[in-house]
Amino acid sequence: MTKMPDVNQAIAALRDAYAAFNRGDMDAAVASLDENIEWIEPRISRGGTYQGRESAKRVPRPIPRRLG
């Protein structure tokens, strides 16, 4: 039986992953993901299916909205 991570550790790992994703550090963003991750992005947002950590690094980042 696989031991479940502590909830606080899981939340911290998720926050760290999102922060890394937002700054463009895809190596750090996917580091805590399962090596066999299947990431599915909706087709309406330039999406697709990404399998494995290396593939997940290619998940499209949102296009920043320019204001002004």
Protein backbone atom coordinates (compact mmCIF):
# COMPACT_ATOMS: atom_id res chain seq x y z
CA MET A 1 0.00 0.00 0.00
CA THR A 2 1.35 3.43 -0.98
CA LYS A 3 1.68 5.94 1.84
CA MET A 4 -0.36 9.10 1.25
CA PRO A 5 1.56 12.36 1.53
CA ASP A 6 0.81 14.73 4.35
CA VAL A 7 -1.84 17.22 3.22
CA ASN A 8 0.33 20.21 4.11
CA GLN A 9 3.26 18.74 2.15
CA ALA A 10 1.01 18.10 -0.83
CA ILE A 11 -0.32 21.68 -0.75
CA ALA A 12 3.21 23.09 -0.49
CA ALA A 13 4.37 20.94 -3.43
CA LEU A 14 1.43 22.10 -5.53
CA ARG A 15 2.07 25.76 -4.70
CA ASP A 16 5.76 25.34 -5.56
CA ALA A 17 4.85 23.67 -8.86
CA TYR A 18 2.46 26.48 -9.82
CA ALA A 19 5.04 29.13 -8.89
CA ALA A 20 7.66 27.37 -11.03
CA PHE A 21 5.19 27.07 -13.92
CA ASN A 22 4.36 30.78 -13.69
CA ARG A 23 8.02 31.78 -13.83
CA GLY A 24 8.68 29.42 -16.74
CA ASP A 25 10.83 26.91 -14.82
CA MET A 26 9.30 23.76 -16.29
CA ASP A 27 11.91 21.41 -14.79
CA ALA A 28 10.88 22.51 -11.29
CA ALA A 29 7.20 22.66 -12.26
CA VAL A 30 7.06 18.96 -13.16
CA ALA A 31 9.55 17.65 -10.57
CA SER A 32 6.88 16.62 -8.06
CA LEU A 33 4.59 15.03 -10.65
CA ASP A 34 4.33 11.28 -11.03
CA GLU A 35 6.71 10.12 -13.77
CA ASN A 36 3.71 8.66 -15.64
CA ILE A 37 1.53 11.79 -15.38
CA GLU A 38 -1.16 12.21 -18.02
CA TRP A 39 -1.94 15.93 -18.34
CA ILE A 40 -4.98 16.78 -20.46
CA GLU A 41 -5.55 20.37 -21.58
CA PRO A 42 -8.83 21.34 -23.24
CA ARG A 43 -8.56 21.72 -27.00
CA ILE A 44 -10.08 25.20 -26.75
CA SER A 45 -6.91 26.45 -25.07
CA ARG A 46 -4.31 25.07 -27.52
CA GLY A 47 -4.48 21.87 -25.54
CA GLY A 48 -3.92 18.20 -25.99
CA THR A 49 -2.76 15.18 -23.99
CA TYR A 50 0.72 15.13 -22.47
CA GLN A 51 2.06 11.84 -21.07
CA GLY A 52 5.05 11.73 -18.71
CA ARG A 53 7.07 14.51 -17.06
CA GLU A 54 9.06 15.41 -20.17
CA SER A 55 5.87 15.78 -22.18
CA ALA A 56 4.21 17.79 -19.40
CA LYS A 57 6.96 20.39 -19.78
CA ARG A 58 5.40 21.24 -23.15
CA VAL A 59 1.97 22.12 -21.74
CA PRO A 60 1.05 25.48 -23.30
CA ARG A 61 1.40 28.46 -21.01
CA PRO A 62 -1.37 31.04 -21.06
CA ILE A 63 -0.74 34.02 -23.31
CA PRO A 64 -0.46 37.08 -21.05
CA ARG A 65 -3.16 39.63 -21.60
CA ARG A 66 -1.78 43.08 -22.33
CA LEU A 67 -3.58 45.93 -20.65
CA GLY A 68 -3.60 49.57 -21.65
